[in-house]
Amino acid sequence: MVALMLLWPLKGAAQDEEVTFPLDNFYAKIKKSPRSIFRNFRFSFSTGYGNTFLSHQLEGFGVYQPAGGGYPAIFLNSATPGTMYSNWVNNIAIDKRAIKPGSFYATSDTTKLGFKGNAMNIPLQVSLHYEFKGKYRIGGGYSYEYMSIGSMHPTYYGNKISSFQMPAPSGWMSKYYAIFGASFYRLGNYLFTGDLQVGGFSPGANFNPAVVTPGMYFNVGVTIERELSEYLRLFVRPSYDIKSYTLALPEGGVSLTHHMNALYVNIGFSYSIPELPKCKIPGCRIQINHAHGDREYRSNVHPIYKKQNPQYGENHPNLIKYKGKNKRKLNPY
């Protein structure tokens, strides 16, 4: 009896004690994928069409139009033409033509003078940006585009001053810029983002760098993206360029400012590196993100162009019984 009384507290302590097993003995600890640091970076490629509006005002200059036609020349303001210049759009040159009787000339002291024209642009653009807080983005890009300049037309005295085509009107223009943007609206799978590009540009090899000095480059636009999947997006981006350059005359301290504003429509795609590698087991048909051993993988049956929910997969969101002729049945079973 005394022995039973002594053993009774030990029995109660054993009943109150909770027996646990560490889960690490049954589940492998998942190792974080090093690719996760790239999940918010997006690479983009686009092309499209643009129209550049070239213009300049000839303040402080005069325009000389030879009698009988021919391309016009410009000269510094004076009562009569002195040293004249041609090709003042991309490579200034002294015009050595003799002044013909009956020729027309005007100076900016008495009237407004200038020329304008249009250029066709076909851009090839690549960029990389980082997205954070679900709406903001920052990055950089490069654009290499073909530009072909048409005829330049006088803005005043169109009946007396001839239009002209500059020598070497076609070339390749390059731009390099920083990107700043913020998403402001979502409609289903469509995301609207306002963005700004700020950088520099080079008008091309057909512009003489000895006399041409480019200014800053600004571009403002709206990117409309269609999300095909979490990695792939298609987009269209209408935008407007603001840029200019100066062309120096042989006379020191004298220059002419040219404006090259442009309207663009780019179409392209963006891609982000998946956070998880594709499942290494060829026969695995799991659609959700899952683990094998201590590594986590994404499904190897998800097409990159199709939206998927990594929690349950959406390869077949509509059952066969609701497709085709079956969808007209009142009871599809």
Protein backbone atom coordinates (compact mmCIF):
# COMPACT_ATOMS: atom_id res chain seq x y z
CA MET A 1 0.00 0.00 0.00
CA VAL A 2 2.81 2.36 0.87
CA ALA A 3 4.53 1.54 -2.45
CA LEU A 4 1.39 2.39 -4.43
CA MET A 5 1.11 5.73 -2.66
CA LEU A 6 4.71 6.54 -3.53
CA LEU A 7 4.27 5.65 -7.24
CA TRP A 8 0.98 7.59 -7.73
CA PRO A 9 2.60 11.09 -8.20
CA LEU A 10 4.93 9.69 -10.86
CA LYS A 11 1.94 8.33 -12.77
CA GLY A 12 0.17 11.69 -12.70
CA ALA A 13 3.32 13.48 -13.89
CA ALA A 14 3.62 11.09 -16.81
CA GLN A 15 0.00 11.73 -17.82
CA ASP A 16 0.48 15.54 -17.69
CA GLU A 17 3.69 15.45 -19.74
CA GLU A 18 3.07 16.25 -23.50
CA VAL A 19 5.10 14.20 -25.90
CA THR A 20 6.16 16.17 -29.08
CA PHE A 21 8.06 15.27 -32.21
CA PRO A 22 10.08 17.94 -34.13
CA LEU A 23 8.58 18.46 -37.61
CA ASP A 24 12.09 18.85 -39.04
CA ASN A 25 12.30 15.09 -38.74
CA PHE A 26 9.51 14.73 -41.31
CA TYR A 27 9.68 17.88 -43.52
CA ALA A 28 12.77 19.22 -45.26
CA LYS A 29 13.47 22.91 -44.74
CA ILE A 30 12.87 24.66 -48.07
CA LYS A 31 15.90 26.54 -49.35
CA LYS A 32 15.20 29.97 -50.79
CA SER A 33 15.85 30.29 -54.51
CA PRO A 34 18.63 32.79 -55.37
CA ARG A 35 16.54 33.84 -58.38
CA SER A 36 14.00 35.53 -56.11
CA ILE A 37 16.07 38.73 -56.04
CA PHE A 38 15.29 39.23 -59.76
CA ARG A 39 11.51 38.74 -59.58
CA ASN A 40 10.74 42.48 -59.68
CA PHE A 41 13.04 43.26 -62.60
CA ARG A 42 11.46 43.39 -66.06
CA PHE A 43 13.15 43.38 -69.45
CA SER A 44 11.28 45.08 -72.30
CA PHE A 45 11.65 45.16 -76.08
CA SER A 46 9.55 47.21 -78.47
CA THR A 47 9.33 48.69 -81.93
CA GLY A 48 6.78 50.91 -83.59
CA TYR A 49 6.39 54.10 -85.57
CA GLY A 50 7.10 57.74 -84.91
CA ASN A 51 6.73 61.10 -86.58
CA THR A 52 9.25 63.85 -85.82
CA PHE A 53 8.22 67.47 -86.21
CA LEU A 54 11.32 69.46 -87.19
CA SER A 55 11.16 73.24 -86.90
CA HIS A 56 13.34 76.27 -86.33
CA GLN A 57 12.89 80.02 -86.17
CA LEU A 58 15.44 82.16 -88.02
CA GLU A 59 15.61 85.03 -85.53
CA GLY A 60 18.66 87.12 -86.30
CA PHE A 61 18.92 85.68 -89.81
CA GLY A 62 17.70 86.41 -93.29
CA VAL A 63 16.63 84.07 -96.12
CA TYR A 64 17.87 84.41 -99.70
CA GLN A 65 15.92 82.78 -102.53
CA PRO A 66 17.69 82.77 -105.94
CA ALA A 67 15.72 83.95 -108.95
CA GLY A 68 14.46 81.09 -111.07
CA GLY A 69 14.27 78.61 -108.17
CA GLY A 70 16.86 76.51 -106.35
CA TYR A 71 17.36 75.83 -102.67
CA PRO A 72 17.29 78.85 -100.34
CA ALA A 73 20.21 80.08 -98.24
CA ILE A 74 20.40 81.94 -94.94
CA PHE A 75 22.58 84.84 -93.84
CA LEU A 76 23.06 86.94 -90.73
CA ASN A 77 20.74 89.96 -90.56
CA SER A 78 21.92 92.85 -92.71
CA ALA A 79 20.47 95.18 -95.31
CA THR A 80 21.69 92.89 -98.10
CA PRO A 81 22.89 89.27 -98.07
CA GLY A 82 26.52 88.94 -97.00
CA THR A 83 28.09 85.55 -96.31
CA MET A 84 25.39 82.97 -97.04
CA TYR A 85 24.98 79.42 -95.75
CA SER A 86 23.26 76.31 -97.04
CA ASN A 87 22.47 72.97 -95.40
CA TRP A 88 21.89 74.60 -92.03
CA VAL A 89 19.89 71.63 -90.71
CA ASN A 90 22.57 68.98 -90.20
CA ASN A 91 25.88 70.33 -91.54
CA ILE A 92 26.38 74.05 -92.16
CA ALA A 93 28.25 75.03 -95.31
CA ILE A 94 29.16 78.37 -96.93
CA ASP A 95 27.04 79.04 -100.01
CA LYS A 96 29.27 80.45 -102.75
CA ARG A 97 26.52 81.13 -105.30
CA ALA A 98 26.51 84.61 -106.79
CA ILE A 99 23.52 86.83 -106.04
CA LYS A 100 21.28 86.92 -109.10
CA PRO A 101 19.30 90.01 -110.12
CA GLY A 102 15.62 89.65 -109.27
CA SER A 103 16.25 87.26 -106.37
CA PHE A 104 14.11 87.47 -103.24
CA TYR A 105 15.43 87.95 -99.74
CA ALA A 106 13.92 88.90 -96.38
CA THR A 107 15.30 89.43 -92.87
CA SER A 108 13.85 88.63 -89.46
CA ASP A 109 14.07 92.34 -88.55
CA THR A 110 11.00 92.99 -90.66
CA THR A 111 9.14 89.64 -90.66
CA LYS A 112 9.08 86.16 -89.15
CA LEU A 113 11.13 83.51 -90.90
CA GLY A 114 11.55 79.79 -90.41
CA PHE A 115 11.17 76.29 -91.83
CA LYS A 116 9.47 73.10 -90.70
CA GLY A 117 9.30 69.51 -91.84
CA ASN A 118 8.53 65.92 -90.84
CA ALA A 119 10.59 62.79 -90.38
CA MET A 120 9.62 59.13 -90.19
CA ASN A 121 11.01 57.13 -87.27
CA ILE A 122 11.16 53.37 -86.75
CA PRO A 123 12.53 52.70 -83.23
CA LEU A 124 14.10 49.55 -81.78
CA GLN A 125 14.00 49.92 -78.02
CA VAL A 126 15.25 47.84 -75.06
CA SER A 127 14.91 48.67 -71.37
CA LEU A 128 15.19 47.26 -67.87
CA HIS A 129 13.19 48.53 -64.91
CA TYR A 130 12.54 47.55 -61.31
CA GLU A 131 9.00 47.48 -59.90
CA PHE A 132 8.33 48.08 -56.21
CA LYS A 133 5.38 48.63 -53.88
CA GLY A 134 3.11 47.19 -56.55
CA LYS A 135 2.94 50.37 -58.61
CA TYR A 136 6.23 52.26 -58.94
CA ARG A 137 9.04 51.55 -61.40
CA ILE A 138 12.52 52.89 -62.06
CA GLY A 139 15.11 51.82 -64.62
CA GLY A 140 16.87 52.71 -67.84
CA GLY A 141 16.81 52.02 -71.55
CA TYR A 142 18.32 52.50 -74.98
CA SER A 143 16.67 53.24 -78.33
CA TYR A 144 18.20 52.90 -81.77
CA GLU A 145 15.93 54.19 -84.50
CA TYR A 146 15.93 54.83 -88.20
CA MET A 147 14.98 58.41 -89.09
CA SER A 148 14.27 59.69 -92.59
CA ILE A 149 13.71 63.45 -92.94
CA GLY A 150 11.43 64.80 -95.65
CA SER A 151 11.39 68.22 -97.27
CA MET A 152 11.67 71.38 -95.21
CA HIS A 153 8.97 73.94 -95.99
CA PRO A 154 9.01 77.70 -95.28
CA THR A 155 6.62 78.82 -92.55
CA TYR A 156 6.32 82.28 -94.17
CA TYR A 157 6.57 83.49 -97.79
CA GLY A 158 5.60 80.08 -99.08
CA ASN A 159 4.90 81.57 -102.51
CA LYS A 160 8.37 83.12 -102.76
CA ILE A 161 10.70 80.80 -100.82
CA SER A 162 11.23 77.25 -102.05
CA SER A 163 11.14 74.06 -100.01
CA PHE A 164 14.35 72.06 -99.90
CA GLN A 165 15.60 68.57 -99.13
CA MET A 166 18.67 68.42 -96.91
CA PRO A 167 21.64 66.28 -98.02
CA ALA A 168 21.90 62.86 -96.31
CA PRO A 169 18.32 62.96 -94.97
CA SER A 170 18.37 59.42 -93.52
CA GLY A 171 20.33 57.98 -90.62
CA TRP A 172 20.20 56.18 -87.27
CA MET A 173 19.42 58.15 -84.12
CA SER A 174 20.25 56.77 -80.66
CA LYS A 175 18.81 57.62 -77.24
CA TYR A 176 19.80 56.63 -73.71
CA TYR A 177 17.58 57.44 -70.78
CA ALA A 178 16.39 56.81 -67.22
CA ILE A 179 12.82 55.62 -66.60
CA PHE A 180 10.44 56.79 -63.85
CA GLY A 181 6.86 55.54 -63.72
CA ALA A 182 3.80 54.85 -61.59
CA SER A 183 0.78 52.65 -62.31
CA PHE A 184 -2.50 54.51 -61.81
CA TYR A 185 -5.32 52.27 -63.06
CA ARG A 186 -6.15 48.58 -63.54
CA LEU A 187 -8.97 47.06 -65.59
CA GLY A 188 -8.95 43.29 -65.35
CA ASN A 189 -5.69 42.08 -66.88
CA TYR A 190 -4.88 45.54 -68.25
CA LEU A 191 -2.53 47.82 -66.33
CA PHE A 192 -2.11 51.55 -67.10
CA THR A 193 1.17 53.22 -66.15
CA GLY A 194 2.31 56.79 -66.68
CA ASP A 195 6.05 57.06 -67.24
CA LEU A 196 8.78 59.58 -67.98
CA GLN A 197 12.06 59.07 -69.83
CA VAL A 198 14.91 61.52 -69.26
CA GLY A 199 18.29 61.32 -70.96
CA GLY A 200 20.35 62.29 -73.97
CA PHE A 201 20.35 61.56 -77.68
CA SER A 202 22.54 61.57 -80.77
CA PRO A 203 20.70 62.57 -83.97
CA GLY A 204 22.85 60.29 -86.16
CA ALA A 205 25.97 60.08 -88.32
CA ASN A 206 24.30 62.24 -90.99
CA PHE A 207 24.50 65.16 -88.51
CA ASN A 208 27.97 66.66 -88.28
CA PRO A 209 29.04 66.37 -84.60
CA ALA A 210 31.55 69.21 -85.07
CA VAL A 211 28.72 71.74 -85.42
CA VAL A 212 25.71 69.92 -83.89
CA THR A 213 25.24 69.90 -80.08
CA PRO A 214 22.27 67.85 -78.81
CA GLY A 215 20.36 68.93 -75.73
CA MET A 216 18.44 66.91 -73.14
CA TYR A 217 15.82 64.38 -74.16
CA PHE A 218 12.41 64.06 -72.47
CA ASN A 219 9.65 61.62 -73.29
CA VAL A 220 6.29 61.31 -71.53
CA GLY A 221 3.84 58.50 -72.25
CA VAL A 222 1.30 55.97 -71.00
CA THR A 223 2.11 52.25 -71.08
CA ILE A 224 -0.95 50.00 -71.46
CA GLU A 225 0.01 46.44 -70.53
CA ARG A 226 -1.91 43.19 -71.06
CA GLU A 227 -0.80 40.56 -68.56
CA LEU A 228 -0.58 37.20 -70.31
CA SER A 229 1.05 35.58 -67.29
CA GLU A 230 2.98 36.63 -64.20
CA TYR A 231 6.16 36.66 -66.33
CA LEU A 232 5.02 37.93 -69.72
CA ARG A 233 3.16 41.11 -70.70
CA LEU A 234 2.30 42.69 -74.03
CA PHE A 235 2.08 46.47 -74.17
CA VAL A 236 1.38 49.48 -76.33
CA ARG A 237 2.85 52.87 -75.43
CA PRO A 238 1.84 56.16 -77.05
CA SER A 239 4.29 58.91 -76.11
CA TYR A 240 5.58 62.35 -76.97
CA ASP A 241 9.24 63.41 -77.32
CA ILE A 242 10.63 66.83 -76.43
CA LYS A 243 14.20 67.43 -77.63
CA SER A 244 16.31 69.95 -79.56
CA TYR A 245 19.84 70.61 -80.74
CA THR A 246 21.92 73.65 -81.70
CA LEU A 247 23.92 74.09 -84.89
CA ALA A 248 26.93 76.42 -84.70
CA LEU A 249 27.80 78.79 -87.54
CA PRO A 250 31.40 79.52 -88.53
CA GLU A 251 31.05 82.94 -86.89
CA GLY A 252 31.93 82.45 -83.25
CA GLY A 253 29.07 82.65 -80.76
CA VAL A 254 26.33 82.36 -83.41
CA SER A 255 24.09 79.27 -83.38
CA LEU A 256 20.73 78.11 -84.63
CA THR A 257 18.31 76.05 -82.48
CA HIS A 258 16.39 73.18 -84.09
CA HIS A 259 13.44 71.48 -82.40
CA MET A 260 12.87 67.74 -82.96
CA ASN A 261 9.70 66.96 -81.00
CA ALA A 262 8.06 63.68 -81.98
CA LEU A 263 4.97 61.51 -81.51
CA TYR A 264 5.46 57.73 -81.10
CA VAL A 265 3.43 54.56 -80.77
CA ASN A 266 5.49 51.59 -79.56
CA ILE A 267 4.33 47.98 -79.25
CA GLY A 268 6.30 45.24 -77.53
CA PHE A 269 6.56 42.81 -74.66
CA SER A 270 8.14 42.67 -71.21
CA TYR A 271 9.49 39.64 -69.38
CA SER A 272 10.59 38.96 -65.81
CA ILE A 273 12.79 36.09 -64.64
CA PRO A 274 10.62 33.54 -62.77
CA GLU A 275 11.26 33.43 -59.04
CA LEU A 276 11.26 29.62 -59.03
CA PRO A 277 12.93 27.24 -61.50
CA LYS A 278 10.76 24.92 -63.55
CA CYS A 279 10.13 21.51 -61.99
CA LYS A 280 13.06 19.17 -62.68
CA ILE A 281 10.89 16.02 -62.90
CA PRO A 282 9.69 15.61 -66.52
CA GLY A 283 6.59 13.60 -65.63
CA CYS A 284 5.43 15.91 -62.84
CA ARG A 285 2.00 17.37 -63.70
CA ILE A 286 1.44 19.43 -60.54
CA GLN A 287 0.10 22.87 -61.47
CA ILE A 288 0.80 24.71 -58.23
CA ASN A 289 4.16 25.82 -56.85
CA HIS A 290 5.47 22.75 -55.02
CA ALA A 291 8.53 21.19 -53.40
CA HIS A 292 10.71 18.18 -54.14
CA GLY A 293 13.09 17.55 -51.28
CA ASP A 294 14.41 20.86 -49.97
CA ARG A 295 13.80 22.80 -53.20
CA GLU A 296 10.65 24.58 -54.39
CA TYR A 297 9.64 24.59 -58.05
CA ARG A 298 7.01 26.06 -60.32
CA SER A 299 4.90 23.83 -62.55
CA ASN A 300 6.45 22.57 -65.77
CA VAL A 301 3.04 22.43 -67.46
CA HIS A 302 2.30 26.17 -67.26
CA PRO A 303 2.71 27.91 -70.65
CA ILE A 304 4.48 31.25 -70.30
CA TYR A 305 1.80 33.01 -72.35
CA LYS A 306 -1.12 31.95 -70.16
CA LYS A 307 -2.24 33.43 -66.83
CA GLN A 308 -1.82 31.02 -63.92
CA ASN A 309 -2.61 31.12 -60.24
CA PRO A 310 0.38 29.44 -58.55
CA GLN A 311 -1.87 28.31 -55.67
CA TYR A 312 -4.08 26.02 -57.74
CA GLY A 313 -3.24 26.41 -61.49
CA GLU A 314 -5.51 27.50 -64.32
CA ASN A 315 -4.50 25.41 -67.31
CA HIS A 316 -8.10 24.29 -67.71
CA PRO A 317 -10.32 26.87 -65.96
CA ASN A 318 -13.42 25.62 -67.85
CA LEU A 319 -14.39 21.99 -67.54
CA ILE A 320 -14.98 19.97 -70.73
CA LYS A 321 -18.62 19.50 -69.75
CA TYR A 322 -19.12 23.26 -70.15
CA LYS A 323 -17.37 23.53 -73.53
CA GLY A 324 -18.62 23.24 -77.11
CA LYS A 325 -22.02 21.60 -77.59
CA ASN A 326 -22.11 20.60 -73.92
CA LYS A 327 -22.57 24.22 -72.81
CA ARG A 328 -26.08 24.20 -74.37
CA LYS A 329 -27.26 21.34 -72.19
CA LEU A 330 -29.40 22.16 -69.17
CA ASN A 331 -27.79 19.26 -67.31
CA PRO A 332 -24.22 18.73 -68.54
CA TYR A 333 -23.81 15.47 -66.56
